[in-house]
Amino acid sequence: MTIESFKELAHEDKLNQLRHHGELLGTYERRSADGDSKTSGDIFELNNFWVFLSDDEQMVIPSRRNPLHKEEEEEESEG
């Protein structure tokens, strides 16, 4: 499955793909668009892309970049 085909799925189908084929990588807090708040959830790896799933399962956001990798880089530069 490609990220493009994942985006076209219905919400429930996206959740099923994550449950059956996704690999849970860890927890993550996603910043809002305006940067003033964060949404808690998990990051899954699915084929060659990553997906943020909010704790309430209402937000399912695919990405070509691993946000956990970016977070690790930021922690290393701060330390």
PDB file of N, CA and C in Angstrom:
ATOM      1  N   MET A   1       0.845  -1.186   0.000  1.00  0.00           N
ATOM      2  CA  MET A   1       0.000   0.000   0.000  1.00  0.00           C
ATOM      3  C   MET A   1       0.886   1.243   0.000  1.00  0.00           C
ATOM      4  N   THR A   2       0.510   2.209  -0.795  1.00  0.00           N
ATOM      5  CA  THR A   2       1.247   3.472  -0.841  1.00  0.00           C
ATOM      6  C   THR A   2       0.558   4.488   0.069  1.00  0.00           C
ATOM      7  N   ILE A   3       1.258   5.570   0.358  1.00  0.00           N
ATOM      8  CA  ILE A   3       0.670   6.621   1.183  1.00  0.00           C
ATOM      9  C   ILE A   3      -0.538   7.236   0.462  1.00  0.00           C
ATOM     10  N   GLU A   4      -0.467   7.325  -0.856  1.00  0.00           N
ATOM     11  CA  GLU A   4      -1.581   7.894  -1.627  1.00  0.00           C
ATOM     12  C   GLU A   4      -2.825   7.026  -1.513  1.00  0.00           C
ATOM     13  N   SER A   5      -2.660   5.705  -1.619  1.00  0.00           N
ATOM     14  CA  SER A   5      -3.826   4.821  -1.512  1.00  0.00           C
ATOM     15  C   SER A   5      -4.364   4.803  -0.088  1.00  0.00           C
ATOM     16  N   PHE A   6      -3.485   4.937   0.912  1.00  0.00           N
ATOM     17  CA  PHE A   6      -3.926   5.001   2.302  1.00  0.00           C
ATOM     18  C   PHE A   6      -4.799   6.236   2.535  1.00  0.00           C
ATOM     19  N   LYS A   7      -4.387   7.358   1.978  1.00  0.00           N
ATOM     20  CA  LYS A   7      -5.139   8.609   2.147  1.00  0.00           C
ATOM     21  C   LYS A   7      -6.558   8.502   1.594  1.00  0.00           C
ATOM     22  N   GLU A   8      -6.746   7.669   0.587  1.00  0.00           N
ATOM     23  CA  GLU A   8      -8.063   7.529  -0.050  1.00  0.00           C
ATOM     24  C   GLU A   8      -9.008   6.609   0.709  1.00  0.00           C
ATOM     25  N   LEU A   9      -8.515   5.872   1.685  1.00  0.00           N
ATOM     26  CA  LEU A   9      -9.356   4.949   2.441  1.00  0.00           C
ATOM     27  C   LEU A   9     -10.320   5.697   3.354  1.00  0.00           C
ATOM     28  N   ALA A  10     -11.426   5.059   3.664  1.00  0.00           N
ATOM     29  CA  ALA A  10     -12.354   5.585   4.671  1.00  0.00           C
ATOM     30  C   ALA A  10     -11.685   5.491   6.044  1.00  0.00           C
ATOM     31  N   HIS A  11     -12.139   6.280   6.978  1.00  0.00           N
ATOM     32  CA  HIS A  11     -11.528   6.345   8.308  1.00  0.00           C
ATOM     33  C   HIS A  11     -11.425   4.965   8.962  1.00  0.00           C
ATOM     34  N   GLU A  12     -12.491   4.204   8.944  1.00  0.00           N
ATOM     35  CA  GLU A  12     -12.493   2.877   9.575  1.00  0.00           C
ATOM     36  C   GLU A  12     -11.507   1.933   8.886  1.00  0.00           C
ATOM     37  N   ASP A  13     -11.372   2.056   7.565  1.00  0.00           N
ATOM     38  CA  ASP A  13     -10.420   1.230   6.826  1.00  0.00           C
ATOM     39  C   ASP A  13      -8.979   1.594   7.193  1.00  0.00           C
ATOM     40  N   LYS A  14      -8.725   2.876   7.426  1.00  0.00           N
ATOM     41  CA  LYS A  14      -7.385   3.303   7.866  1.00  0.00           C
ATOM     42  C   LYS A  14      -7.059   2.677   9.223  1.00  0.00           C
ATOM     43  N   LEU A  15      -8.036   2.696  10.131  1.00  0.00           N
ATOM     44  CA  LEU A  15      -7.824   2.096  11.451  1.00  0.00           C
ATOM     45  C   LEU A  15      -7.559   0.595  11.325  1.00  0.00           C
ATOM     46  N   ASN A  16      -8.287  -0.087  10.460  1.00  0.00           N
ATOM     47  CA  ASN A  16      -8.077  -1.521  10.245  1.00  0.00           C
ATOM     48  C   ASN A  16      -6.690  -1.807   9.679  1.00  0.00           C
ATOM     49  N   GLN A  17      -6.229  -0.984   8.752  1.00  0.00           N
ATOM     50  CA  GLN A  17      -4.882  -1.157   8.204  1.00  0.00           C
ATOM     51  C   GLN A  17      -3.832  -1.035   9.308  1.00  0.00           C
ATOM     52  N   LEU A  18      -3.997  -0.045  10.177  1.00  0.00           N
ATOM     53  CA  LEU A  18      -3.047   0.132  11.279  1.00  0.00           C
ATOM     54  C   LEU A  18      -3.088  -1.049  12.237  1.00  0.00           C
ATOM     55  N   ARG A  19      -4.287  -1.521  12.561  1.00  0.00           N
ATOM     56  CA  ARG A  19      -4.423  -2.640  13.508  1.00  0.00           C
ATOM     57  C   ARG A  19      -3.796  -3.929  12.976  1.00  0.00           C
ATOM     58  N   HIS A  20      -3.970  -4.188  11.682  1.00  0.00           N
ATOM     59  CA  HIS A  20      -3.543  -5.459  11.117  1.00  0.00           C
ATOM     60  C   HIS A  20      -2.168  -5.440  10.460  1.00  0.00           C
ATOM     61  N   HIS A  21      -1.734  -4.278   9.982  1.00  0.00           N
ATOM     62  CA  HIS A  21      -0.483  -4.227   9.232  1.00  0.00           C
ATOM     63  C   HIS A  21       0.520  -3.216   9.779  1.00  0.00           C
ATOM     64  N   GLY A  22       0.086  -2.344  10.672  1.00  0.00           N
ATOM     65  CA  GLY A  22       0.981  -1.319  11.198  1.00  0.00           C
ATOM     66  C   GLY A  22       1.846  -1.831  12.334  1.00  0.00           C
ATOM     67  N   GLU A  23       3.022  -1.224  12.458  1.00  0.00           N
ATOM     68  CA  GLU A  23       3.922  -1.542  13.559  1.00  0.00           C
ATOM     69  C   GLU A  23       3.981  -0.332  14.486  1.00  0.00           C
ATOM     70  N   LEU A  24       3.552  -0.519  15.721  1.00  0.00           N
ATOM     71  CA  LEU A  24       3.567   0.564  16.692  1.00  0.00           C
ATOM     72  C   LEU A  24       5.008   0.899  17.042  1.00  0.00           C
ATOM     73  N   LEU A  25       5.392   2.163  16.841  1.00  0.00           N
ATOM     74  CA  LEU A  25       6.762   2.589  17.121  1.00  0.00           C
ATOM     75  C   LEU A  25       6.883   3.317  18.458  1.00  0.00           C
ATOM     76  N   GLY A  26       5.809   3.956  18.895  1.00  0.00           N
ATOM     77  CA  GLY A  26       5.870   4.651  20.174  1.00  0.00           C
ATOM     78  C   GLY A  26       4.862   5.770  20.269  1.00  0.00           C
ATOM     79  N   THR A  27       4.852   6.406  21.425  1.00  0.00           N
ATOM     80  CA  THR A  27       3.942   7.524  21.652  1.00  0.00           C
ATOM     81  C   THR A  27       4.530   8.799  21.060  1.00  0.00           C
ATOM     82  N   TYR A  28       3.659   9.753  20.790  1.00  0.00           N
ATOM     83  CA  TYR A  28       4.082  10.994  20.157  1.00  0.00           C
ATOM     84  C   TYR A  28       3.046  12.068  20.465  1.00  0.00           C
ATOM     85  N   GLU A  29       3.518  13.295  20.670  1.00  0.00           N
ATOM     86  CA  GLU A  29       2.615  14.433  20.829  1.00  0.00           C
ATOM     87  C   GLU A  29       2.766  15.312  19.603  1.00  0.00           C
ATOM     88  N   ARG A  30       1.692  15.420  18.847  1.00  0.00           N
ATOM     89  CA  ARG A  30       1.700  16.177  17.594  1.00  0.00           C
ATOM     90  C   ARG A  30       1.264  17.611  17.858  1.00  0.00           C
ATOM     91  N   ARG A  31       2.060  18.547  17.367  1.00  0.00           N
ATOM     92  CA  ARG A  31       1.721  19.967  17.514  1.00  0.00           C
ATOM     93  C   ARG A  31       0.563  20.331  16.590  1.00  0.00           C
ATOM     94  N   SER A  32      -0.271  21.251  17.052  1.00  0.00           N
ATOM     95  CA  SER A  32      -1.360  21.745  16.206  1.00  0.00           C
ATOM     96  C   SER A  32      -0.771  22.645  15.121  1.00  0.00           C
ATOM     97  N   ALA A  33      -1.570  22.987  14.141  1.00  0.00           N
ATOM     98  CA  ALA A  33      -1.102  23.813  13.029  1.00  0.00           C
ATOM     99  C   ALA A  33      -0.571  25.161  13.505  1.00  0.00           C
ATOM    100  N   ASP A  34      -1.205  25.733  14.529  1.00  0.00           N
ATOM    101  CA  ASP A  34      -0.748  27.026  15.035  1.00  0.00           C
ATOM    102  C   ASP A  34       0.346  26.889  16.103  1.00  0.00           C
ATOM    103  N   GLY A  35       0.648  25.652  16.506  1.00  0.00           N
ATOM    104  CA  GLY A  35       1.753  25.393  17.416  1.00  0.00           C
ATOM    105  C   GLY A  35       1.494  25.680  18.878  1.00  0.00           C
ATOM    106  N   ASP A  36       0.260  26.016  19.247  1.00  0.00           N
ATOM    107  CA  ASP A  36      -0.002  26.366  20.638  1.00  0.00           C
ATOM    108  C   ASP A  36      -0.513  25.211  21.489  1.00  0.00           C
ATOM    109  N   SER A  37      -0.813  24.077  20.873  1.00  0.00           N
ATOM    110  CA  SER A  37      -1.275  22.915  21.640  1.00  0.00           C
ATOM    111  C   SER A  37      -0.744  21.638  21.006  1.00  0.00           C
ATOM    112  N   LYS A  38      -0.857  20.540  21.756  1.00  0.00           N
ATOM    113  CA  LYS A  38      -0.388  19.248  21.271  1.00  0.00           C
ATOM    114  C   LYS A  38      -1.490  18.213  21.433  1.00  0.00           C
ATOM    115  N   THR A  39      -1.496  17.224  20.540  1.00  0.00           N
ATOM    116  CA  THR A  39      -2.428  16.110  20.597  1.00  0.00           C
ATOM    117  C   THR A  39      -1.628  14.841  20.847  1.00  0.00           C
ATOM    118  N   SER A  40      -1.994  14.097  21.881  1.00  0.00           N
ATOM    119  CA  SER A  40      -1.302  12.852  22.211  1.00  0.00           C
ATOM    120  C   SER A  40      -1.778  11.722  21.320  1.00  0.00           C
ATOM    121  N   GLY A  41      -0.857  10.824  21.002  1.00  0.00           N
ATOM    122  CA  GLY A  41      -1.204   9.672  20.183  1.00  0.00           C
ATOM    123  C   GLY A  41      -0.020   8.743  20.021  1.00  0.00           C
ATOM    124  N   ASP A  42      -0.066   7.951  18.959  1.00  0.00           N
ATOM    125  CA  ASP A  42       0.976   6.976  18.663  1.00  0.00           C
ATOM    126  C   ASP A  42       1.425   7.112  17.220  1.00  0.00           C
ATOM    127  N   ILE A  43       2.661   6.668  16.968  1.00  0.00           N
ATOM    128  CA  ILE A  43       3.202   6.617  15.611  1.00  0.00           C
ATOM    129  C   ILE A  43       3.303   5.151  15.199  1.00  0.00           C
ATOM    130  N   PHE A  44       2.782   4.870  14.009  1.00  0.00           N
ATOM    131  CA  PHE A  44       2.855   3.539  13.429  1.00  0.00           C
ATOM    132  C   PHE A  44       3.675   3.605  12.140  1.00  0.00           C
ATOM    133  N   GLU A  45       4.407   2.541  11.864  1.00  0.00           N
ATOM    134  CA  GLU A  45       5.038   2.402  10.560  1.00  0.00           C
ATOM    135  C   GLU A  45       4.163   1.465   9.743  1.00  0.00           C
ATOM    136  N   LEU A  46       3.886   1.874   8.515  1.00  0.00           N
ATOM    137  CA  LEU A  46       3.033   1.083   7.629  1.00  0.00           C
ATOM    138  C   LEU A  46       3.668   1.121   6.243  1.00  0.00           C
ATOM    139  N   ASN A  47       4.263  -0.009   5.849  1.00  0.00           N
ATOM    140  CA  ASN A  47       4.989  -0.098   4.571  1.00  0.00           C
ATOM    141  C   ASN A  47       6.117   0.927   4.549  1.00  0.00           C
ATOM    142  N   ASN A  48       6.077   1.890   3.638  1.00  0.00           N
ATOM    143  CA  ASN A  48       7.172   2.854   3.534  1.00  0.00           C
ATOM    144  C   ASN A  48       6.775   4.258   3.987  1.00  0.00           C
ATOM    145  N   PHE A  49       5.823   4.347   4.911  1.00  0.00           N
ATOM    146  CA  PHE A  49       5.421   5.641   5.469  1.00  0.00           C
ATOM    147  C   PHE A  49       4.993   5.459   6.920  1.00  0.00           C
ATOM    148  N   TRP A  50       4.754   6.575   7.598  1.00  0.00           N
ATOM    149  CA  TRP A  50       4.395   6.567   9.015  1.00  0.00           C
ATOM    150  C   TRP A  50       3.024   7.210   9.187  1.00  0.00           C
ATOM    151  N   VAL A  51       2.347   6.824  10.255  1.00  0.00           N
ATOM    152  CA  VAL A  51       1.000   7.332  10.504  1.00  0.00           C
ATOM    153  C   VAL A  51       0.872   7.733  11.969  1.00  0.00           C
ATOM    154  N   PHE A  52       0.377   8.967  12.191  1.00  0.00           N
ATOM    155  CA  PHE A  52       0.029   9.421  13.538  1.00  0.00           C
ATOM    156  C   PHE A  52      -1.425   9.063  13.789  1.00  0.00           C
ATOM    157  N   LEU A  53      -1.687   8.408  14.919  1.00  0.00           N
ATOM    158  CA  LEU A  53      -3.050   8.076  15.336  1.00  0.00           C
ATOM    159  C   LEU A  53      -3.271   8.684  16.713  1.00  0.00           C
ATOM    160  N   SER A  54      -4.214   9.610  16.810  1.00  0.00           N
ATOM    161  CA  SER A  54      -4.488  10.252  18.098  1.00  0.00           C
ATOM    162  C   SER A  54      -5.081   9.246  19.075  1.00  0.00           C
ATOM    163  N   ASP A  55      -4.938   9.543  20.363  1.00  0.00           N
ATOM    164  CA  ASP A  55      -5.442   8.645  21.403  1.00  0.00           C
ATOM    165  C   ASP A  55      -6.937   8.362  21.255  1.00  0.00           C
ATOM    166  N   ASP A  56      -7.699   9.355  20.784  1.00  0.00           N
ATOM    167  CA  ASP A  56      -9.140   9.156  20.609  1.00  0.00           C
ATOM    168  C   ASP A  56      -9.496   8.532  19.254  1.00  0.00           C
ATOM    169  N   GLU A  57      -8.461   8.225  18.443  1.00  0.00           N
ATOM    170  CA  GLU A  57      -8.589   7.601  17.123  1.00  0.00           C
ATOM    171  C   GLU A  57      -9.380   8.451  16.123  1.00  0.00           C
ATOM    172  N   GLN A  58      -9.473   9.748  16.358  1.00  0.00           N
ATOM    173  CA  GLN A  58     -10.175  10.622  15.426  1.00  0.00           C
ATOM    174  C   GLN A  58      -9.235  11.198  14.371  1.00  0.00           C
ATOM    175  N   MET A  59      -7.953  11.340  14.724  1.00  0.00           N
ATOM    176  CA  MET A  59      -6.957  11.864  13.785  1.00  0.00           C
ATOM    177  C   MET A  59      -6.080  10.719  13.284  1.00  0.00           C
ATOM    178  N   VAL A  60      -6.044  10.548  11.970  1.00  0.00           N
ATOM    179  CA  VAL A  60      -5.193   9.548  11.328  1.00  0.00           C
ATOM    180  C   VAL A  60      -4.428  10.300  10.246  1.00  0.00           C
ATOM    181  N   ILE A  61      -3.149  10.585  10.515  1.00  0.00           N
ATOM    182  CA  ILE A  61      -2.387  11.462   9.632  1.00  0.00           C
ATOM    183  C   ILE A  61      -1.141  10.755   9.115  1.00  0.00           C
ATOM    184  N   PRO A  62      -1.124  10.402   7.830  1.00  0.00           N
ATOM    185  CA  PRO A  62       0.062   9.759   7.251  1.00  0.00           C
ATOM    186  C   PRO A  62       1.152  10.782   6.937  1.00  0.00           C
ATOM    187  N   SER A  63       2.400  10.305   6.933  1.00  0.00           N
ATOM    188  CA  SER A  63       3.537  11.173   6.650  1.00  0.00           C
ATOM    189  C   SER A  63       4.634  10.375   5.959  1.00  0.00           C
ATOM    190  N   ARG A  64       5.374  11.039   5.082  1.00  0.00           N
ATOM    191  CA  ARG A  64       6.526  10.394   4.444  1.00  0.00           C
ATOM    192  C   ARG A  64       7.756  10.450   5.350  1.00  0.00           C
ATOM    193  N   ARG A  65       7.697  11.262   6.388  1.00  0.00           N
ATOM    194  CA  ARG A  65       8.811  11.407   7.326  1.00  0.00           C
ATOM    195  C   ARG A  65       8.451  10.789   8.662  1.00  0.00           C
ATOM    196  N   ASN A  66       9.442  10.191   9.288  1.00  0.00           N
ATOM    197  CA  ASN A  66       9.248   9.602  10.613  1.00  0.00           C
ATOM    198  C   ASN A  66       9.370  10.701  11.658  1.00  0.00           C
ATOM    199  N   PRO A  67       8.274  11.121  12.281  1.00  0.00           N
ATOM    200  CA  PRO A  67       8.350  12.202  13.269  1.00  0.00           C
ATOM    201  C   PRO A  67       9.145  11.806  14.512  1.00  0.00           C
ATOM    202  N   LEU A  68       9.222  10.529  14.823  1.00  0.00           N
ATOM    203  CA  LEU A  68      10.011  10.097  15.975  1.00  0.00           C
ATOM    204  C   LEU A  68      11.497  10.307  15.713  1.00  0.00           C
ATOM    205  N   HIS A  69      11.927  10.126  14.493  1.00  0.00           N
ATOM    206  CA  HIS A  69      13.328  10.344  14.134  1.00  0.00           C
ATOM    207  C   HIS A  69      13.689  11.815  14.310  1.00  0.00           C
ATOM    208  N   LYS A  70      12.805  12.712  13.896  1.00  0.00           N
ATOM    209  CA  LYS A  70      13.018  14.153  14.043  1.00  0.00           C
ATOM    210  C   LYS A  70      13.100  14.524  15.514  1.00  0.00           C
ATOM    211  N   GLU A  71      12.227  13.942  16.335  1.00  0.00           N
ATOM    212  CA  GLU A  71      12.210  14.207  17.770  1.00  0.00           C
ATOM    213  C   GLU A  71      13.530  13.775  18.413  1.00  0.00           C
ATOM    214  N   GLU A  72      14.082  12.628  17.996  1.00  0.00           N
ATOM    215  CA  GLU A  72      15.349  12.145  18.526  1.00  0.00           C
ATOM    216  C   GLU A  72      16.482  13.097  18.161  1.00  0.00           C
ATOM    217  N   GLU A  73      16.484  13.618  16.938  1.00  0.00           N
ATOM    218  CA  GLU A  73      17.508  14.571  16.507  1.00  0.00           C
ATOM    219  C   GLU A  73      17.460  15.837  17.350  1.00  0.00           C
ATOM    220  N   GLU A  74      16.257  16.328  17.643  1.00  0.00           N
ATOM    221  CA  GLU A  74      16.102  17.537  18.452  1.00  0.00           C
ATOM    222  C   GLU A  74      16.632  17.314  19.864  1.00  0.00           C
ATOM    223  N   GLU A  75      16.366  16.141  20.438  1.00  0.00           N
ATOM    224  CA  GLU A  75      16.844  15.829  21.776  1.00  0.00           C
ATOM    225  C   GLU A  75      18.355  15.754  21.806  1.00  0.00           C
ATOM    226  N   GLU A  76      18.970  15.194  20.773  1.00  0.00           N
ATOM    227  CA  GLU A  76      20.432  15.093  20.706  1.00  0.00           C
ATOM    228  C   GLU A  76      21.078  16.467  20.596  1.00  0.00           C
ATOM    229  N   SER A  77      20.485  17.377  19.820  1.00  0.00           N
ATOM    230  CA  SER A  77      21.060  18.699  19.659  1.00  0.00           C
ATOM    231  C   SER A  77      20.902  19.531  20.929  1.00  0.00           C
ATOM    232  N   GLU A  78      19.859  19.260  21.718  1.00  0.00           N
ATOM    233  CA  GLU A  78      19.665  19.979  22.983  1.00  0.00           C
ATOM    234  C   GLU A  78      20.598  19.469  24.063  1.00  0.00           C
ATOM    235  N   GLY A  79      20.982  18.190  23.983  1.00  0.00           N
ATOM    236  CA  GLY A  79      21.768  17.544  25.026  1.00  0.00           C
ATOM    237  C   GLY A  79      23.203  17.750  24.859  1.00  0.00           C
TER     238      GLY A  79
END
